[in-house]
Protein backbone atom coordinates (compact mmCIF):
# COMPACT_ATOMS: atom_id res chain seq x y z
CA MET A 1 100.74 152.90 64.11
CA LEU A 2 98.54 152.01 60.45
CA LYS A 3 98.84 152.38 57.86
CA GLY A 4 95.65 151.36 55.96
CA ILE A 5 92.67 150.90 56.06
CA VAL A 6 89.82 149.00 54.50
CA PHE A 7 86.00 149.35 54.52
CA ASP A 8 83.03 147.76 53.88
CA LYS A 9 80.94 148.80 51.81
CA ASP A 10 76.56 148.54 52.44
CA GLY A 11 75.84 149.17 56.57
CA VAL A 12 79.04 151.80 56.19
CA LEU A 13 79.08 153.90 53.50
CA VAL A 14 75.36 152.67 52.41
CA ASP A 15 72.39 152.44 54.14
CA PHE A 16 71.46 148.35 53.76
CA ASP A 17 67.86 148.78 54.46
CA ARG A 18 66.90 151.72 52.39
CA THR A 19 68.88 150.74 49.55
CA TRP A 20 68.87 147.03 49.17
CA VAL A 21 65.38 145.33 51.09
CA THR A 22 62.95 147.05 48.41
CA MET A 23 65.26 145.88 45.55
CA LEU A 24 65.46 142.09 47.03
CA LEU A 25 61.50 141.90 47.50
CA ASP A 26 61.42 142.74 43.20
CA MET A 27 63.60 141.14 42.33
CA ALA A 28 62.94 137.44 44.23
CA ARG A 29 59.10 138.88 43.04
CA GLU A 30 60.52 139.15 39.80
CA TRP A 31 62.50 135.87 39.69
CA ALA A 32 59.33 133.45 41.39
CA GLY A 33 57.46 134.48 38.25
CA GLY A 34 54.25 134.87 39.98
CA ASP A 35 54.80 131.77 42.26
CA GLU A 36 53.68 133.63 45.78
CA GLU A 37 55.49 130.14 47.61
CA LYS A 38 58.63 130.71 45.27
CA ASN A 39 58.93 133.93 46.29
CA ARG A 40 58.22 133.18 50.57
CA HIS A 41 61.22 130.82 50.10
CA LEU A 42 63.51 132.87 48.16
CA LEU A 43 62.97 135.66 50.93
CA THR A 44 63.17 134.00 53.50
CA SER A 45 66.15 131.86 52.41
CA ALA A 46 67.72 135.54 51.87
CA GLY A 47 67.40 136.02 55.58
CA TYR A 48 64.38 138.57 54.46
CA ASP A 49 62.46 138.79 58.45
CA ALA A 50 59.06 139.88 57.21
CA ALA A 51 58.58 141.76 60.59
CA THR A 52 61.00 143.79 61.15
CA ASN A 53 61.28 144.67 57.09
CA SER A 54 64.47 144.01 57.40
CA PHE A 55 67.92 141.67 56.97
CA PHE A 56 69.06 139.48 60.12
CA SER A 57 72.22 139.86 61.22
CA GLY A 58 75.18 137.14 59.55
CA SER A 59 71.86 136.08 56.89
CA VAL A 60 72.90 135.40 53.05
CA TRP A 61 71.44 139.23 52.40
CA ALA A 62 73.84 141.04 54.54
CA ALA A 63 76.83 139.17 54.84
CA GLY A 64 77.22 137.02 52.26
CA ASN A 65 77.76 137.24 48.06
CA THR A 66 76.30 136.38 44.90
CA ASP A 67 77.51 132.94 45.03
CA ASP A 68 76.16 132.76 47.92
CA LEU A 69 72.66 133.73 46.66
CA VAL A 70 72.38 131.42 43.68
CA GLU A 71 73.29 128.49 46.38
CA VAL A 72 69.90 128.70 48.66
CA TRP A 73 68.18 130.18 45.67
CA ASP A 74 68.15 127.44 42.86
CA GLN A 75 66.64 124.51 42.37
CA THR A 76 68.07 122.74 39.54
CA GLY A 77 71.70 122.83 40.49
CA ASP A 78 72.72 123.03 37.33
CA ALA A 79 75.45 125.12 35.89
CA TYR A 80 73.36 127.21 32.53
CA GLU A 81 70.34 127.57 34.99
CA GLN A 82 73.33 128.89 38.03
CA GLU A 83 75.35 131.10 35.43
CA LYS A 84 71.76 133.11 34.40
CA LEU A 85 71.05 134.15 37.70
CA ALA A 86 73.75 135.11 39.05
CA LYS A 87 74.48 137.20 35.66
CA PHE A 88 70.71 138.64 36.80
CA ILE A 89 71.15 138.86 40.82
CA ASP A 90 74.19 141.21 39.40
CA LEU A 91 72.22 143.48 36.64
CA ARG A 92 69.88 144.34 39.19
CA CYS A 93 72.86 145.10 41.61
CA VAL A 94 74.38 147.30 39.13
CA GLU A 95 71.65 149.25 38.33
CA CYS A 96 69.74 149.37 42.44
CA GLU A 97 69.93 153.33 43.27
CA ILE A 98 72.58 153.52 46.10
CA ILE A 99 71.16 155.51 49.54
CA PRO A 100 74.61 156.23 51.28
CA LEU A 101 74.30 156.69 55.06
CA PHE A 102 75.90 160.19 55.53
CA PRO A 103 76.16 163.18 52.61
CA PRO A 104 78.12 162.14 50.17
CA PRO A 105 80.17 165.30 50.96
CA GLU A 106 80.41 164.42 54.66
CA LEU A 107 82.20 160.94 53.50
CA GLN A 108 84.58 162.98 51.22
CA GLY A 109 85.42 164.55 53.95
CA LEU A 110 86.27 161.96 56.78
CA PHE A 111 87.87 159.86 53.84
CA GLY A 112 90.65 163.31 53.34
CA GLY A 113 90.88 163.65 56.16
CA LEU A 114 92.18 160.21 56.52
CA THR A 115 94.94 160.10 53.41
CA GLY A 116 95.23 163.68 54.58
CA ARG A 117 96.70 161.80 57.51
CA GLY A 118 99.12 159.20 55.05
CA LEU A 119 97.26 156.27 55.02
CA LYS A 120 96.21 153.71 51.81
CA LEU A 121 92.01 153.69 52.21
CA GLY A 122 90.42 150.77 49.83
CA LEU A 123 87.21 148.89 50.07
CA THR A 124 86.69 145.40 50.82
CA THR A 125 83.25 143.83 49.79
CA ASN A 126 80.73 141.06 48.83
CA ASP A 127 79.03 143.61 45.84
CA GLY A 128 79.99 142.72 43.04
CA GLU A 129 83.56 145.40 42.32
CA ALA A 130 81.96 146.96 38.72
CA SER A 131 79.16 147.84 42.08
CA ALA A 132 80.66 148.88 43.58
CA VAL A 133 82.78 151.11 41.46
CA ARG A 134 79.97 152.33 40.38
CA THR A 135 79.09 153.23 43.93
CA MET A 136 81.75 155.05 45.29
CA ASP A 137 81.94 156.89 42.23
CA ALA A 138 78.84 157.54 42.72
CA PHE A 139 79.74 159.12 46.60
CA GLY A 140 83.20 160.69 45.22
CA LEU A 141 85.21 158.60 47.58
CA ALA A 142 86.36 156.86 44.18
CA PRO A 143 89.26 159.49 44.72
CA PHE A 144 90.51 158.90 47.32
CA LEU A 145 90.28 154.71 47.16
CA SER A 146 94.18 153.20 46.60
CA ARG A 147 91.80 149.19 45.78
CA ILE A 148 88.30 148.55 45.16
CA ILE A 149 87.78 144.76 45.92
CA GLY A 150 84.16 143.05 45.29
CA TYR A 151 83.30 139.88 45.53
CA ASP A 152 84.54 138.67 41.81
CA SER A 153 87.24 140.56 42.32
CA VAL A 154 89.12 137.33 44.56
CA VAL A 155 89.76 133.95 44.45
CA ASN A 156 87.93 133.65 48.51
CA PRO A 157 85.70 136.87 49.28
CA LYS A 158 85.00 137.43 52.03
CA PRO A 159 85.69 135.70 55.25
CA ALA A 160 88.56 134.30 54.64
CA ALA A 161 91.11 136.27 54.34
CA ASP A 162 91.83 138.01 50.19
CA PRO A 163 90.53 140.80 49.98
CA VAL A 164 93.06 142.08 52.56
CA PHE A 165 95.88 140.50 51.08
CA GLU A 166 94.51 141.50 47.61
CA PHE A 167 94.19 144.83 49.08
CA CYS A 168 97.85 145.18 51.04
CA ASP A 169 99.38 143.01 47.96
CA HIS A 170 98.19 145.86 45.51
CA CYS A 171 99.50 149.03 48.30
CA GLU A 172 102.77 146.88 48.86
CA LEU A 173 101.31 147.21 53.11
CA GLU A 174 101.62 144.01 56.09
CA SER A 175 98.36 142.71 56.94
CA ALA A 176 99.82 144.02 60.24
CA GLN A 177 99.63 147.53 59.31
CA MET A 178 96.35 147.67 59.29
CA ALA A 179 92.30 147.72 60.36
CA VAL A 180 89.85 146.85 59.09
CA VAL A 181 85.89 148.51 59.13
CA GLY A 182 83.15 146.72 58.64
CA ASP A 183 79.09 145.80 60.08
CA ASN A 184 79.48 142.48 59.70
CA VAL A 185 81.06 139.43 61.97
CA HIS A 186 82.09 138.30 58.53
CA ASP A 187 84.63 140.88 57.46
CA MET A 188 85.31 140.22 61.36
CA GLU A 189 86.39 137.76 60.18
CA MET A 190 88.80 138.49 57.50
CA ALA A 191 89.88 140.49 59.47
CA ALA A 192 91.28 138.41 62.36
CA ALA A 193 92.02 135.40 59.48
CA ALA A 194 94.45 138.14 57.26
CA GLY A 195 96.02 139.45 61.05
CA VAL A 196 95.35 142.82 61.31
CA ALA A 197 95.74 144.93 63.99
CA VAL A 198 92.62 146.22 64.56
CA ARG A 199 89.40 145.17 63.31
CA ILE A 200 86.49 148.08 63.56
CA GLY A 201 82.80 147.22 64.55
CA VAL A 202 80.62 149.81 63.02
CA LEU A 203 75.91 149.50 64.34
CA SER A 204 75.45 151.35 61.79
CA GLY A 205 74.24 147.64 59.91
CA ASN A 206 72.20 145.21 60.24
CA SER A 207 74.36 143.47 63.66
CA ILE A 208 73.66 144.21 66.73
CA ALA A 209 76.57 144.52 68.63
CA ALA A 210 76.75 141.33 70.63
CA ASP A 211 77.26 139.96 66.54
CA LEU A 212 79.64 142.21 67.06
CA ARG A 213 81.59 142.39 70.58
CA PRO A 214 83.04 139.01 70.76
CA HIS A 215 85.00 139.68 67.51
CA ALA A 216 85.54 143.37 66.74
CA ASP A 217 88.65 145.30 69.14
CA PHE A 218 86.40 148.85 68.68
CA LEU A 219 82.77 149.84 68.79
CA LEU A 220 81.69 152.08 66.70
CA ASP A 221 78.22 153.49 66.29
CA SER A 222 79.29 154.76 62.98
CA VAL A 223 82.22 155.10 60.69
CA MET A 224 82.20 158.73 61.51
CA ASP A 225 83.66 158.85 64.57
CA LEU A 226 86.08 157.16 63.43
CA PRO A 227 88.78 159.67 63.01
CA GLN A 228 88.52 160.74 66.45
CA LEU A 229 88.90 156.87 68.32
CA LEU A 230 91.96 156.59 65.78
CA THR A 231 93.51 160.11 67.32
CA ASN A 232 92.80 158.77 71.09
CA GLU A 233 94.14 155.36 71.02
CA LYS A 234 97.23 156.57 69.01
CA LEU A 235 96.63 154.72 65.83
CA ILE A 236 98.09 156.50 63.77
CA GLU A 237 100.82 159.39 64.21
CA MET A 238 99.36 163.35 64.68
CA ASP A 239 101.05 165.39 63.33
């Protein structure tokens, strides 16, 4: 029986494209400083697909963290410039207007129902912790979460197992008692590395079924289908 669930944020609870596409376009344009060739390079290296106005599944901006974006955006190799770029990215993420995939009251009802079953809930994201906390506060989900873990909360972020282990240590759970819910292969790789009981992929982000199916135990259209899965598969104790 499951005792805890950790959720990814973007593409699971947050509308990835509506939130992050415009922000990335603006951020790249600002960092390029009017250099159109540099601007194109920044967008391409981040994984932007101009034909669909979205990001490729598994790309740096879709699945990575600030350090990953700095690695492909920085052309100087200078530690000071890299630190400046990282601060620039993290600040823009904190300031970005976050758009939920579902009305916050519906998400609150989902999380309230899960915690009401005795499950410990957490968030593991490759966004920064400060940005993630701000988003969960805005959605009214923070009271349901035992731990919010960003890429900067652990030594090794996704796809490493560290975020799951951090949550388990905080909640005094074993990873074999856990489920991971995410929209990206990085999430499923983290889940596998940690040895969780159940890997659940959702198709509400920027990965298609073919991307996730080899790595997930279950696929859902969205996180709102989670209670039915848990009940039907008898993954939690029922009244």
